[in-house]
Amino acid sequence: MPHVLIQNSTRPLQQPIRVKYCRDFFSKFRGLMLRARIDQLEGILLVEDRDSRLDTAIHMLFMRFDIAAVWINSEMAVVDVRLARKWQPVITPAKPARFVLEVHPQQISSFAVGDRVEFANV
């Protein structure tokens, strides 16, 4: 599975976040389930074909830790940011998104609605 680096163009991060690029069904379905933990500068990026609220809804079933969930639309703008708590059944973004960035909870303050985000190949 490929990796990408995530950078906030609006408020640059000290270090970009390295994430797994999850486009196929299985990698998106598995997500971070059953992992013991996540490092502060790692995560996953769930990728859909179009902006949608339904397609980018997530669940936290079988999760052992909370995450910061950042929804990004096809224009690379952050449309929602939430602390997703373990075992929460469904979390739907406030606005349609194409990407869901799932990262360490300490990264929640690194992104805000309206920020522009960039992806770079590793």
N, C-alpha and C. Protein backbone atom coordinates (compact mmCIF):
# COMPACT_ATOMS: atom_id res chain seq x y z
N MET A 1 0.85 -1.18 0.00
CA MET A 1 0.00 0.00 0.00
C MET A 1 0.89 1.24 0.00
N PRO A 2 0.65 2.19 -0.91
CA PRO A 2 1.51 3.38 -0.98
C PRO A 2 1.33 4.31 0.22
N HIS A 3 2.30 5.14 0.41
CA HIS A 3 2.24 6.16 1.46
C HIS A 3 2.31 7.54 0.83
N VAL A 4 1.73 8.52 1.52
CA VAL A 4 1.84 9.92 1.12
C VAL A 4 2.18 10.75 2.35
N LEU A 5 2.73 11.93 2.11
CA LEU A 5 2.98 12.89 3.17
C LEU A 5 1.89 13.94 3.14
N ILE A 6 1.36 14.28 4.29
CA ILE A 6 0.29 15.26 4.43
C ILE A 6 0.88 16.53 5.03
N GLN A 7 0.58 17.66 4.41
CA GLN A 7 1.02 18.96 4.93
C GLN A 7 -0.16 19.92 4.90
N ASN A 8 -0.28 20.72 5.94
CA ASN A 8 -1.30 21.77 6.00
C ASN A 8 -0.70 23.02 5.37
N SER A 9 -1.21 23.43 4.22
CA SER A 9 -0.68 24.61 3.52
C SER A 9 -1.01 25.90 4.23
N THR A 10 -2.13 25.93 4.93
CA THR A 10 -2.59 27.14 5.62
C THR A 10 -1.77 27.41 6.87
N ARG A 11 -1.56 26.38 7.65
CA ARG A 11 -0.79 26.47 8.89
C ARG A 11 0.20 25.32 8.89
N PRO A 12 1.37 25.50 8.24
CA PRO A 12 2.30 24.39 8.05
C PRO A 12 2.68 23.66 9.34
N LEU A 13 2.72 22.35 9.23
CA LEU A 13 3.14 21.49 10.33
C LEU A 13 4.66 21.51 10.43
N GLN A 14 5.20 21.31 11.63
CA GLN A 14 6.65 21.24 11.77
C GLN A 14 7.20 20.07 10.97
N GLN A 15 6.48 18.96 10.96
CA GLN A 15 6.85 17.79 10.17
C GLN A 15 5.59 17.29 9.49
N PRO A 16 5.68 16.91 8.22
CA PRO A 16 4.50 16.34 7.57
C PRO A 16 4.14 15.00 8.22
N ILE A 17 2.90 14.60 8.05
CA ILE A 17 2.42 13.33 8.60
C ILE A 17 2.47 12.29 7.49
N ARG A 18 3.07 11.15 7.77
CA ARG A 18 3.19 10.06 6.79
C ARG A 18 2.00 9.12 6.99
N VAL A 19 1.22 8.94 5.93
CA VAL A 19 0.02 8.12 6.04
C VAL A 19 -0.05 7.07 4.93
N LYS A 20 -0.76 5.99 5.23
CA LYS A 20 -1.04 4.97 4.21
C LYS A 20 -2.19 5.48 3.36
N TYR A 21 -2.07 5.33 2.07
CA TYR A 21 -3.07 5.77 1.10
C TYR A 21 -4.00 4.59 0.85
N CYS A 22 -5.22 4.65 1.38
CA CYS A 22 -6.17 3.53 1.33
C CYS A 22 -7.28 3.83 0.34
N ARG A 23 -7.20 3.19 -0.82
CA ARG A 23 -8.20 3.42 -1.86
C ARG A 23 -9.07 2.18 -2.11
N ASP A 24 -8.54 0.98 -1.88
CA ASP A 24 -9.32 -0.22 -2.15
C ASP A 24 -10.22 -0.56 -0.96
N PHE A 25 -11.24 -1.35 -1.22
CA PHE A 25 -12.26 -1.66 -0.21
C PHE A 25 -11.65 -2.24 1.05
N PHE A 26 -10.79 -3.25 0.92
CA PHE A 26 -10.26 -3.92 2.10
C PHE A 26 -9.44 -2.99 2.98
N SER A 27 -8.56 -2.19 2.38
CA SER A 27 -7.72 -1.30 3.19
C SER A 27 -8.57 -0.24 3.89
N LYS A 28 -9.62 0.24 3.23
CA LYS A 28 -10.52 1.21 3.87
C LYS A 28 -11.33 0.55 4.97
N PHE A 29 -11.81 -0.69 4.71
CA PHE A 29 -12.60 -1.41 5.70
C PHE A 29 -11.79 -1.67 6.96
N ARG A 30 -10.56 -2.11 6.79
CA ARG A 30 -9.71 -2.43 7.95
C ARG A 30 -9.30 -1.17 8.68
N GLY A 31 -8.91 -0.14 7.93
CA GLY A 31 -8.51 1.11 8.56
C GLY A 31 -7.49 0.90 9.66
N LEU A 32 -7.78 1.43 10.83
CA LEU A 32 -6.88 1.28 11.98
C LEU A 32 -7.41 0.28 13.01
N MET A 33 -8.47 -0.45 12.64
CA MET A 33 -9.05 -1.42 13.57
C MET A 33 -8.01 -2.42 14.06
N LEU A 34 -8.12 -2.75 15.32
CA LEU A 34 -7.32 -3.78 15.98
C LEU A 34 -5.85 -3.44 16.16
N ARG A 35 -5.43 -2.25 15.74
CA ARG A 35 -4.05 -1.82 16.03
C ARG A 35 -3.96 -1.43 17.49
N ALA A 36 -2.80 -1.61 18.08
CA ALA A 36 -2.61 -1.29 19.49
C ALA A 36 -2.45 0.21 19.73
N ARG A 37 -1.85 0.90 18.75
CA ARG A 37 -1.61 2.34 18.91
C ARG A 37 -1.26 2.94 17.57
N ILE A 38 -1.10 4.27 17.58
CA ILE A 38 -0.67 4.99 16.38
C ILE A 38 0.36 6.03 16.82
N ASP A 39 1.42 6.18 16.05
CA ASP A 39 2.44 7.18 16.36
C ASP A 39 1.92 8.57 15.99
N GLN A 40 2.50 9.59 16.59
CA GLN A 40 2.02 10.96 16.40
C GLN A 40 2.14 11.45 14.96
N LEU A 41 3.10 10.95 14.20
CA LEU A 41 3.31 11.42 12.83
C LEU A 41 2.93 10.37 11.79
N GLU A 42 1.97 9.51 12.11
CA GLU A 42 1.50 8.52 11.15
C GLU A 42 -0.02 8.47 11.17
N GLY A 43 -0.57 7.81 10.15
CA GLY A 43 -2.01 7.65 10.08
C GLY A 43 -2.40 6.98 8.78
N ILE A 44 -3.67 7.15 8.42
CA ILE A 44 -4.16 6.62 7.15
C ILE A 44 -5.00 7.69 6.46
N LEU A 45 -5.08 7.56 5.15
CA LEU A 45 -5.90 8.45 4.34
C LEU A 45 -6.87 7.58 3.56
N LEU A 46 -8.16 7.69 3.89
CA LEU A 46 -9.21 6.94 3.20
C LEU A 46 -9.65 7.77 2.00
N VAL A 47 -9.65 7.16 0.82
CA VAL A 47 -9.87 7.89 -0.43
C VAL A 47 -11.14 7.39 -1.12
N GLU A 48 -12.02 8.31 -1.47
CA GLU A 48 -13.24 7.99 -2.22
C GLU A 48 -13.14 8.61 -3.61
N ASP A 49 -14.09 8.24 -4.49
CA ASP A 49 -14.08 8.75 -5.87
C ASP A 49 -14.67 10.14 -6.01
N ARG A 50 -15.48 10.54 -5.03
CA ARG A 50 -16.18 11.83 -5.13
C ARG A 50 -16.46 12.36 -3.74
N ASP A 51 -16.84 13.62 -3.65
CA ASP A 51 -17.24 14.21 -2.38
C ASP A 51 -18.59 13.62 -1.96
N SER A 52 -18.67 13.22 -0.71
CA SER A 52 -19.90 12.62 -0.19
C SER A 52 -19.86 12.62 1.33
N ARG A 53 -20.99 12.80 1.95
CA ARG A 53 -21.07 12.66 3.40
C ARG A 53 -21.20 11.19 3.77
N LEU A 54 -22.04 10.48 3.03
CA LEU A 54 -22.29 9.06 3.33
C LEU A 54 -21.05 8.21 3.10
N ASP A 55 -20.39 8.37 1.96
CA ASP A 55 -19.22 7.54 1.64
C ASP A 55 -18.04 7.79 2.57
N THR A 56 -17.99 8.95 3.20
CA THR A 56 -16.85 9.26 4.09
C THR A 56 -17.22 9.18 5.57
N ALA A 57 -18.39 8.63 5.87
CA ALA A 57 -18.73 8.36 7.26
C ALA A 57 -17.80 7.25 7.77
N ILE A 58 -17.41 7.33 9.03
CA ILE A 58 -16.52 6.33 9.60
C ILE A 58 -17.15 5.73 10.85
N HIS A 59 -16.60 4.61 11.30
CA HIS A 59 -16.99 4.02 12.58
C HIS A 59 -15.72 3.78 13.39
N MET A 60 -15.91 3.63 14.68
CA MET A 60 -14.77 3.40 15.56
C MET A 60 -14.89 2.04 16.28
N LEU A 61 -15.68 1.15 15.72
CA LEU A 61 -15.84 -0.17 16.31
C LEU A 61 -14.52 -0.93 16.24
N PHE A 62 -14.20 -1.66 17.29
CA PHE A 62 -12.98 -2.45 17.41
C PHE A 62 -11.71 -1.61 17.47
N MET A 63 -11.86 -0.32 17.76
CA MET A 63 -10.70 0.56 17.91
C MET A 63 -10.25 0.56 19.36
N ARG A 64 -8.94 0.57 19.57
CA ARG A 64 -8.37 0.56 20.92
C ARG A 64 -7.98 1.95 21.41
N PHE A 65 -8.10 2.95 20.53
CA PHE A 65 -7.68 4.31 20.88
C PHE A 65 -8.51 5.31 20.09
N ASP A 66 -8.54 6.55 20.59
CA ASP A 66 -9.22 7.64 19.89
C ASP A 66 -8.32 8.14 18.76
N ILE A 67 -8.92 8.81 17.78
CA ILE A 67 -8.15 9.41 16.68
C ILE A 67 -8.69 10.80 16.38
N ALA A 68 -7.90 11.58 15.69
CA ALA A 68 -8.37 12.82 15.10
C ALA A 68 -8.79 12.47 13.68
N ALA A 69 -10.04 12.81 13.32
CA ALA A 69 -10.54 12.56 11.97
C ALA A 69 -10.67 13.91 11.27
N VAL A 70 -10.06 14.01 10.09
CA VAL A 70 -10.06 15.25 9.31
C VAL A 70 -10.65 14.93 7.95
N TRP A 71 -11.76 15.58 7.61
CA TRP A 71 -12.40 15.37 6.31
C TRP A 71 -11.96 16.47 5.35
N ILE A 72 -11.55 16.05 4.16
CA ILE A 72 -10.99 16.95 3.14
C ILE A 72 -11.77 16.74 1.85
N ASN A 73 -12.20 17.84 1.23
CA ASN A 73 -12.97 17.70 -0.01
C ASN A 73 -12.04 17.63 -1.22
N SER A 74 -12.63 17.49 -2.42
CA SER A 74 -11.83 17.33 -3.63
C SER A 74 -11.07 18.60 -4.01
N GLU A 75 -11.41 19.73 -3.39
CA GLU A 75 -10.66 20.97 -3.61
C GLU A 75 -9.52 21.12 -2.61
N MET A 76 -9.28 20.06 -1.84
CA MET A 76 -8.19 19.99 -0.85
C MET A 76 -8.41 20.95 0.33
N ALA A 77 -9.66 21.22 0.64
CA ALA A 77 -10.01 22.07 1.78
C ALA A 77 -10.58 21.20 2.90
N VAL A 78 -10.20 21.47 4.13
CA VAL A 78 -10.74 20.77 5.29
C VAL A 78 -12.18 21.22 5.49
N VAL A 79 -13.10 20.24 5.56
CA VAL A 79 -14.52 20.56 5.74
C VAL A 79 -15.05 20.16 7.12
N ASP A 80 -14.29 19.36 7.86
CA ASP A 80 -14.70 18.98 9.22
C ASP A 80 -13.51 18.37 9.93
N VAL A 81 -13.45 18.55 11.25
CA VAL A 81 -12.41 17.96 12.10
C VAL A 81 -13.09 17.51 13.38
N ARG A 82 -12.85 16.28 13.77
CA ARG A 82 -13.47 15.76 15.00
C ARG A 82 -12.55 14.81 15.74
N LEU A 83 -12.73 14.77 17.04
CA LEU A 83 -12.10 13.74 17.85
C LEU A 83 -13.03 12.54 17.79
N ALA A 84 -12.57 11.46 17.20
CA ALA A 84 -13.37 10.23 17.08
C ALA A 84 -12.98 9.32 18.23
N ARG A 85 -13.95 9.00 19.06
CA ARG A 85 -13.70 8.18 20.25
C ARG A 85 -13.89 6.69 19.94
N LYS A 86 -13.02 5.87 20.56
CA LYS A 86 -13.10 4.44 20.32
C LYS A 86 -14.50 3.91 20.61
N TRP A 87 -14.92 2.97 19.79
CA TRP A 87 -16.22 2.29 19.86
C TRP A 87 -17.41 3.17 19.50
N GLN A 88 -17.19 4.37 19.00
CA GLN A 88 -18.30 5.21 18.52
C GLN A 88 -18.84 4.58 17.23
N PRO A 89 -20.16 4.34 17.13
CA PRO A 89 -20.67 3.58 15.99
C PRO A 89 -20.60 4.29 14.64
N VAL A 90 -20.97 5.55 14.54
CA VAL A 90 -20.97 6.24 13.24
C VAL A 90 -20.60 7.71 13.44
N ILE A 91 -19.72 8.20 12.59
CA ILE A 91 -19.35 9.61 12.59
C ILE A 91 -19.44 10.09 11.15
N THR A 92 -20.30 11.05 10.89
CA THR A 92 -20.52 11.57 9.54
C THR A 92 -20.01 13.00 9.48
N PRO A 93 -19.29 13.37 8.44
CA PRO A 93 -18.79 14.75 8.36
C PRO A 93 -19.92 15.76 8.17
N ALA A 94 -19.67 16.98 8.59
CA ALA A 94 -20.67 18.05 8.47
C ALA A 94 -20.95 18.40 7.02
N LYS A 95 -19.94 18.27 6.16
CA LYS A 95 -20.07 18.59 4.73
C LYS A 95 -19.47 17.46 3.91
N PRO A 96 -19.83 17.35 2.64
CA PRO A 96 -19.26 16.30 1.80
C PRO A 96 -17.74 16.39 1.70
N ALA A 97 -17.11 15.23 1.70
CA ALA A 97 -15.65 15.14 1.60
C ALA A 97 -15.28 13.99 0.68
N ARG A 98 -14.06 14.03 0.18
CA ARG A 98 -13.54 12.94 -0.64
C ARG A 98 -12.51 12.11 0.11
N PHE A 99 -11.84 12.73 1.09
CA PHE A 99 -10.78 12.08 1.84
C PHE A 99 -11.09 12.15 3.33
N VAL A 100 -10.69 11.08 4.05
CA VAL A 100 -10.74 11.09 5.51
C VAL A 100 -9.33 10.81 6.00
N LEU A 101 -8.77 11.77 6.70
CA LEU A 101 -7.45 11.63 7.29
C LEU A 101 -7.64 11.20 8.74
N GLU A 102 -7.09 10.03 9.10
CA GLU A 102 -7.18 9.52 10.47
C GLU A 102 -5.78 9.52 11.06
N VAL A 103 -5.60 10.36 12.10
CA VAL A 103 -4.27 10.55 12.69
C VAL A 103 -4.34 10.54 14.21
N HIS A 104 -3.19 10.63 14.82
CA HIS A 104 -3.07 10.66 16.29
C HIS A 104 -3.93 11.80 16.85
N PRO A 105 -4.59 11.59 17.98
CA PRO A 105 -5.46 12.64 18.54
C PRO A 105 -4.74 13.96 18.84
N GLN A 106 -3.44 13.91 19.10
CA GLN A 106 -2.71 15.15 19.36
C GLN A 106 -2.62 16.03 18.12
N GLN A 107 -2.91 15.49 16.95
CA GLN A 107 -2.86 16.27 15.71
C GLN A 107 -4.16 17.05 15.46
N ILE A 108 -5.15 16.91 16.32
CA ILE A 108 -6.45 17.55 16.06
C ILE A 108 -6.32 19.07 15.94
N SER A 109 -5.42 19.67 16.68
CA SER A 109 -5.27 21.13 16.62
C SER A 109 -4.44 21.57 15.40
N SER A 110 -3.90 20.62 14.65
CA SER A 110 -3.10 20.93 13.46
C SER A 110 -3.95 21.24 12.24
N PHE A 111 -5.27 20.99 12.34
CA PHE A 111 -6.17 21.20 11.22
C PHE A 111 -7.44 21.90 11.68
N ALA A 112 -7.94 22.80 10.84
CA ALA A 112 -9.20 23.50 11.13
C ALA A 112 -10.00 23.62 9.84
N VAL A 113 -11.30 23.73 9.99
CA VAL A 113 -12.17 23.89 8.82
C VAL A 113 -11.69 25.10 8.01
N GLY A 114 -11.56 24.91 6.70
CA GLY A 114 -11.09 25.97 5.81
C GLY A 114 -9.62 25.86 5.46
N ASP A 115 -8.84 25.12 6.25
CA ASP A 115 -7.42 24.94 5.92
C ASP A 115 -7.28 24.23 4.58
N ARG A 116 -6.19 24.51 3.88
CA ARG A 116 -5.87 23.82 2.63
C ARG A 116 -4.80 22.77 2.94
N VAL A 117 -4.94 21.60 2.33
CA VAL A 117 -4.05 20.48 2.60
C VAL A 117 -3.37 20.04 1.30
N GLU A 118 -2.13 19.58 1.43
CA GLU A 118 -1.38 19.06 0.28
C GLU A 118 -0.96 17.63 0.55
N PHE A 119 -0.96 16.79 -0.51
CA PHE A 119 -0.47 15.42 -0.43
C PHE A 119 0.78 15.36 -1.31
N ALA A 120 1.81 14.68 -0.83
CA ALA A 120 3.03 14.48 -1.61
C ALA A 120 3.40 13.01 -1.55
N ASN A 121 3.82 12.45 -2.68
CA ASN A 121 4.27 11.05 -2.71
C ASN A 121 5.53 10.90 -1.90
N VAL A 122 5.67 9.74 -1.28
CA VAL A 122 6.87 9.45 -0.49
C VAL A 122 7.92 8.86 -1.40
